[in-house]
Amino acid sequence: MFNAGVLTASDAASRGLREDTSGREIREALTHEGFRVVLQEVVPDDRAAIADRLRLWSGQVDLVLTTGGTGFGPRDVTPEATLEVLDRHAPGLAELMRSETVKITPMAALSRAVAGTRGACLIVNLPGSPRAVRECLVVLLPLLPHALETMRGPVDRHPTGPDAGATS
């Protein structure tokens, strides 16, 4: 079982002006897939606050999924905060989410989400809307167990074919 954290970047939700529905979506999806969500928090759209939380959490969990702050708005700084803390980039994850979800909505091409590792933790940015989160998780969730297993050390078997990454 993998431990996960869900970090929501939202000025409004951090002030209690709106509910964190995207964070809830992520938590429910991860739990359904057998992950243990041990950390969850809402922070303002503030680069330092996001980066600080990612630094702290990356030493405590295997996976951090962020939601919010990936667009073109002046306060959308989650990708910059994430890039600040990553050791290694994993561009294929963000590219795959964009390439698949753009088939559903052209607005997916506007996502600036990034992914990568810090130590033994995988960090992936997701969009801020609950619908976009669900669409990205359909693409991302089948890949996560193998990615995290690989990060722990040598893996004897690598999934291949159309069902690669499917969990049972």
C-alpha atoms as a PDB file:
ATOM      1  CA  MET A   1       0.000   0.000   0.000  1.00  0.00           C
ATOM      2  CA  PHE A   2       1.226   3.461  -0.841  1.00  0.00           C
ATOM      3  CA  ASN A   3       0.776   6.579   1.279  1.00  0.00           C
ATOM      4  CA  ALA A   4      -0.421   9.708  -0.461  1.00  0.00           C
ATOM      5  CA  GLY A   5      -1.010  13.384   0.139  1.00  0.00           C
ATOM      6  CA  VAL A   6      -3.550  15.646  -1.534  1.00  0.00           C
ATOM      7  CA  LEU A   7      -2.623  19.321  -1.711  1.00  0.00           C
ATOM      8  CA  THR A   8      -5.156  21.864  -2.942  1.00  0.00           C
ATOM      9  CA  ALA A   9      -3.937  25.288  -4.032  1.00  0.00           C
ATOM     10  CA  SER A  10      -6.831  27.722  -3.843  1.00  0.00           C
ATOM     11  CA  ASP A  11      -7.130  31.199  -2.385  1.00  0.00           C
ATOM     12  CA  ALA A  12     -10.907  30.868  -2.013  1.00  0.00           C
ATOM     13  CA  ALA A  13     -10.908  27.380  -0.463  1.00  0.00           C
ATOM     14  CA  SER A  14      -8.051  28.282   1.888  1.00  0.00           C
ATOM     15  CA  ARG A  15     -10.185  31.148   3.234  1.00  0.00           C
ATOM     16  CA  GLY A  16     -13.277  28.943   3.554  1.00  0.00           C
ATOM     17  CA  LEU A  17     -15.112  30.748   0.744  1.00  0.00           C
ATOM     18  CA  ARG A  18     -15.621  27.577  -1.289  1.00  0.00           C
ATOM     19  CA  GLU A  19     -15.544  23.849  -0.677  1.00  0.00           C
ATOM     20  CA  ASP A  20     -12.507  21.842  -1.779  1.00  0.00           C
ATOM     21  CA  THR A  21     -14.398  19.497  -4.117  1.00  0.00           C
ATOM     22  CA  SER A  22     -11.354  18.697  -6.259  1.00  0.00           C
ATOM     23  CA  GLY A  23      -9.319  17.574  -3.266  1.00  0.00           C
ATOM     24  CA  ARG A  24     -12.240  15.380  -2.203  1.00  0.00           C
ATOM     25  CA  GLU A  25     -12.393  13.856  -5.712  1.00  0.00           C
ATOM     26  CA  ILE A  26      -8.702  12.958  -5.548  1.00  0.00           C
ATOM     27  CA  ARG A  27      -8.972  11.510  -2.041  1.00  0.00           C
ATOM     28  CA  GLU A  28     -11.945   9.333  -2.994  1.00  0.00           C
ATOM     29  CA  ALA A  29     -10.283   8.080  -6.188  1.00  0.00           C
ATOM     30  CA  LEU A  30      -7.000   7.261  -4.446  1.00  0.00           C
ATOM     31  CA  THR A  31      -8.774   5.488  -1.597  1.00  0.00           C
ATOM     32  CA  HIS A  32     -10.839   3.478  -4.084  1.00  0.00           C
ATOM     33  CA  GLU A  33      -7.595   2.373  -5.769  1.00  0.00           C
ATOM     34  CA  GLY A  34      -6.060   1.192  -2.493  1.00  0.00           C
ATOM     35  CA  PHE A  35      -3.915   4.198  -1.610  1.00  0.00           C
ATOM     36  CA  ARG A  36      -3.856   5.464   1.955  1.00  0.00           C
ATOM     37  CA  VAL A  37      -4.367   9.245   1.979  1.00  0.00           C
ATOM     38  CA  VAL A  38      -2.517  10.331   5.105  1.00  0.00           C
ATOM     39  CA  LEU A  39      -2.076  14.040   4.341  1.00  0.00           C
ATOM     40  CA  GLN A  40      -4.560  16.529   2.944  1.00  0.00           C
ATOM     41  CA  GLU A  41      -4.501  20.299   3.106  1.00  0.00           C
ATOM     42  CA  VAL A  42      -5.658  23.433   1.342  1.00  0.00           C
ATOM     43  CA  VAL A  43      -3.149  26.250   0.910  1.00  0.00           C
ATOM     44  CA  PRO A  44      -3.455  29.634  -0.821  1.00  0.00           C
ATOM     45  CA  ASP A  45      -2.195  30.117  -4.375  1.00  0.00           C
ATOM     46  CA  ASP A  46       1.194  31.108  -3.012  1.00  0.00           C
ATOM     47  CA  ARG A  47       4.393  29.726  -4.537  1.00  0.00           C
ATOM     48  CA  ALA A  48       6.327  29.600  -1.260  1.00  0.00           C
ATOM     49  CA  ALA A  49       3.475  27.944   0.654  1.00  0.00           C
ATOM     50  CA  ILE A  50       3.021  25.283  -2.036  1.00  0.00           C
ATOM     51  CA  ALA A  51       6.762  24.598  -2.346  1.00  0.00           C
ATOM     52  CA  ASP A  52       7.180  24.402   1.437  1.00  0.00           C
ATOM     53  CA  ARG A  53       4.352  21.884   1.743  1.00  0.00           C
ATOM     54  CA  LEU A  54       5.760  19.776  -1.136  1.00  0.00           C
ATOM     55  CA  ARG A  55       9.208  19.751   0.494  1.00  0.00           C
ATOM     56  CA  LEU A  56       7.761  18.643   3.823  1.00  0.00           C
ATOM     57  CA  TRP A  57       5.347  16.051   2.473  1.00  0.00           C
ATOM     58  CA  SER A  58       7.792  14.479   0.016  1.00  0.00           C
ATOM     59  CA  GLY A  59       9.651  13.012   2.973  1.00  0.00           C
ATOM     60  CA  GLN A  60       6.461  11.551   4.444  1.00  0.00           C
ATOM     61  CA  VAL A  61       4.518   9.980   1.560  1.00  0.00           C
ATOM     62  CA  ASP A  62       5.076   8.079  -1.680  1.00  0.00           C
ATOM     63  CA  LEU A  63       2.808  10.312  -3.765  1.00  0.00           C
ATOM     64  CA  VAL A  64       1.546  13.879  -3.684  1.00  0.00           C
ATOM     65  CA  LEU A  65      -1.221  14.927  -6.043  1.00  0.00           C
ATOM     66  CA  THR A  66      -1.879  18.640  -6.208  1.00  0.00           C
ATOM     67  CA  THR A  67      -5.005  20.269  -7.537  1.00  0.00           C
ATOM     68  CA  GLY A  68      -5.414  23.853  -8.648  1.00  0.00           C
ATOM     69  CA  GLY A  69      -3.157  26.626  -9.824  1.00  0.00           C
ATOM     70  CA  THR A  70      -2.163  25.075 -13.162  1.00  0.00           C
ATOM     71  CA  GLY A  71      -3.826  27.563 -15.519  1.00  0.00           C
ATOM     72  CA  PHE A  72      -2.915  30.954 -16.920  1.00  0.00           C
ATOM     73  CA  GLY A  73      -4.248  33.109 -14.081  1.00  0.00           C
ATOM     74  CA  PRO A  74      -1.848  35.506 -12.386  1.00  0.00           C
ATOM     75  CA  ARG A  75      -2.097  33.516  -9.118  1.00  0.00           C
ATOM     76  CA  ASP A  76      -1.693  30.102 -10.818  1.00  0.00           C
ATOM     77  CA  VAL A  77       1.775  29.153  -9.549  1.00  0.00           C
ATOM     78  CA  THR A  78       1.544  25.459  -8.689  1.00  0.00           C
ATOM     79  CA  PRO A  79       3.775  24.306 -11.590  1.00  0.00           C
ATOM     80  CA  GLU A  80       6.458  26.836 -10.680  1.00  0.00           C
ATOM     81  CA  ALA A  81       6.362  25.786  -7.022  1.00  0.00           C
ATOM     82  CA  THR A  82       6.554  22.136  -8.045  1.00  0.00           C
ATOM     83  CA  LEU A  83       9.481  22.676 -10.426  1.00  0.00           C
ATOM     84  CA  GLU A  84      11.294  24.445  -7.604  1.00  0.00           C
ATOM     85  CA  VAL A  85      11.304  21.279  -5.463  1.00  0.00           C
ATOM     86  CA  LEU A  86      11.681  18.455  -8.015  1.00  0.00           C
ATOM     87  CA  ASP A  87      14.856  16.394  -8.294  1.00  0.00           C
ATOM     88  CA  ARG A  88      13.805  14.760 -11.562  1.00  0.00           C
ATOM     89  CA  HIS A  89      11.133  15.651 -14.084  1.00  0.00           C
ATOM     90  CA  ALA A  90       8.573  13.126 -15.373  1.00  0.00           C
ATOM     91  CA  PRO A  91       7.159  15.019 -18.361  1.00  0.00           C
ATOM     92  CA  GLY A  92       5.414  11.976 -19.835  1.00  0.00           C
ATOM     93  CA  LEU A  93       2.776  11.964 -17.088  1.00  0.00           C
ATOM     94  CA  ALA A  94       1.654  15.553 -17.660  1.00  0.00           C
ATOM     95  CA  GLU A  95       1.940  15.136 -21.438  1.00  0.00           C
ATOM     96  CA  LEU A  96      -0.233  12.005 -21.334  1.00  0.00           C
ATOM     97  CA  MET A  97      -2.901  13.674 -19.190  1.00  0.00           C
ATOM     98  CA  ARG A  98      -3.047  16.631 -21.582  1.00  0.00           C
ATOM     99  CA  SER A  99      -3.028  14.532 -24.751  1.00  0.00           C
ATOM    100  CA  GLU A 100      -5.862  12.317 -23.527  1.00  0.00           C
ATOM    101  CA  THR A 101      -8.061  14.942 -21.867  1.00  0.00           C
ATOM    102  CA  VAL A 102      -7.806  17.362 -24.801  1.00  0.00           C
ATOM    103  CA  LYS A 103      -9.919  14.762 -26.633  1.00  0.00           C
ATOM    104  CA  ILE A 104     -12.697  15.609 -24.165  1.00  0.00           C
ATOM    105  CA  THR A 105     -12.200  19.375 -23.933  1.00  0.00           C
ATOM    106  CA  PRO A 106      -9.846  21.617 -25.909  1.00  0.00           C
ATOM    107  CA  MET A 107      -9.255  23.620 -22.716  1.00  0.00           C
ATOM    108  CA  ALA A 108      -7.050  20.776 -21.431  1.00  0.00           C
ATOM    109  CA  ALA A 109      -4.312  22.131 -23.706  1.00  0.00           C
ATOM    110  CA  LEU A 110      -4.126  25.169 -21.416  1.00  0.00           C
ATOM    111  CA  SER A 111      -2.950  23.099 -18.447  1.00  0.00           C
ATOM    112  CA  ARG A 112       0.593  23.904 -17.318  1.00  0.00           C
ATOM    113  CA  ALA A 113       0.718  20.881 -14.978  1.00  0.00           C
ATOM    114  CA  VAL A 114       4.068  19.219 -14.331  1.00  0.00           C
ATOM    115  CA  ALA A 115       5.176  15.976 -12.687  1.00  0.00           C
ATOM    116  CA  GLY A 116       8.354  14.585 -11.242  1.00  0.00           C
ATOM    117  CA  THR A 117      10.091  13.137  -8.240  1.00  0.00           C
ATOM    118  CA  ARG A 118      11.591  14.517  -5.080  1.00  0.00           C
ATOM    119  CA  GLY A 119      13.514  11.839  -3.265  1.00  0.00           C
ATOM    120  CA  ALA A 120      11.291   8.762  -3.162  1.00  0.00           C
ATOM    121  CA  CYS A 121       8.090  10.749  -3.698  1.00  0.00           C
ATOM    122  CA  LEU A 122       6.216  11.261  -6.970  1.00  0.00           C
ATOM    123  CA  ILE A 123       4.533  14.666  -7.300  1.00  0.00           C
ATOM    124  CA  VAL A 124       1.893  15.304  -9.976  1.00  0.00           C
ATOM    125  CA  ASN A 125      -0.097  18.473 -10.621  1.00  0.00           C
ATOM    126  CA  LEU A 126      -3.770  18.128 -11.542  1.00  0.00           C
ATOM    127  CA  PRO A 127      -6.153  20.876 -12.680  1.00  0.00           C
ATOM    128  CA  GLY A 128      -8.459  22.634 -10.253  1.00  0.00           C
ATOM    129  CA  SER A 129     -11.919  21.649 -11.479  1.00  0.00           C
ATOM    130  CA  PRO A 130     -13.496  18.427 -10.186  1.00  0.00           C
ATOM    131  CA  ARG A 131     -14.416  17.355 -13.724  1.00  0.00           C
ATOM    132  CA  ALA A 132     -10.856  17.888 -15.008  1.00  0.00           C
ATOM    133  CA  VAL A 133      -9.482  16.047 -11.969  1.00  0.00           C
ATOM    134  CA  ARG A 134     -11.701  13.028 -12.737  1.00  0.00           C
ATOM    135  CA  GLU A 135     -10.648  13.067 -16.408  1.00  0.00           C
ATOM    136  CA  CYS A 136      -6.947  13.222 -15.523  1.00  0.00           C
ATOM    137  CA  LEU A 137      -7.214  10.509 -12.894  1.00  0.00           C
ATOM    138  CA  VAL A 138      -8.693   8.091 -15.446  1.00  0.00           C
ATOM    139  CA  VAL A 139      -5.419   8.458 -17.340  1.00  0.00           C
ATOM    140  CA  LEU A 140      -3.055   8.659 -14.367  1.00  0.00           C
ATOM    141  CA  LEU A 141      -4.300   6.094 -11.847  1.00  0.00           C
ATOM    142  CA  PRO A 142      -3.438   2.955 -13.870  1.00  0.00           C
ATOM    143  CA  LEU A 143       0.202   4.109 -14.078  1.00  0.00           C
ATOM    144  CA  LEU A 144       0.799   5.046 -10.462  1.00  0.00           C
ATOM    145  CA  PRO A 145       1.353   1.650  -8.801  1.00  0.00           C
ATOM    146  CA  HIS A 146       4.058   0.647 -11.278  1.00  0.00           C
ATOM    147  CA  ALA A 147       5.693   4.081 -11.166  1.00  0.00           C
ATOM    148  CA  LEU A 148       5.825   3.989  -7.361  1.00  0.00           C
ATOM    149  CA  GLU A 149       7.028   0.379  -7.248  1.00  0.00           C
ATOM    150  CA  THR A 150       9.820   1.277  -9.672  1.00  0.00           C
ATOM    151  CA  MET A 151      10.833   4.199  -7.468  1.00  0.00           C
ATOM    152  CA  ARG A 152      11.273   1.795  -4.536  1.00  0.00           C
ATOM    153  CA  GLY A 153      13.851  -0.242  -6.397  1.00  0.00           C
ATOM    154  CA  PRO A 154      14.336  -2.904  -9.046  1.00  0.00           C
ATOM    155  CA  VAL A 155      11.136  -4.357 -10.482  1.00  0.00           C
ATOM    156  CA  ASP A 156      11.175  -7.875 -11.901  1.00  0.00           C
ATOM    157  CA  ARG A 157       8.182  -7.481 -14.202  1.00  0.00           C
ATOM    158  CA  HIS A 158       7.120  -4.515 -16.287  1.00  0.00           C
ATOM    159  CA  PRO A 159       3.534  -4.326 -17.542  1.00  0.00           C
ATOM    160  CA  THR A 160       3.130  -4.348 -21.314  1.00  0.00           C
ATOM    161  CA  GLY A 161       0.299  -4.299 -23.809  1.00  0.00           C
ATOM    162  CA  PRO A 162      -3.123  -2.661 -23.762  1.00  0.00           C
ATOM    163  CA  ASP A 163      -3.833  -3.614 -20.156  1.00  0.00           C
ATOM    164  CA  ALA A 164      -0.467  -2.355 -18.872  1.00  0.00           C
ATOM    165  CA  GLY A 165      -0.858  -0.729 -15.515  1.00  0.00           C
ATOM    166  CA  ALA A 166      -4.405  -1.996 -14.989  1.00  0.00           C
ATOM    167  CA  THR A 167      -5.003  -2.864 -11.364  1.00  0.00           C
ATOM    168  CA  SER A 168      -7.020  -5.838 -10.276  1.00  0.00           C
END
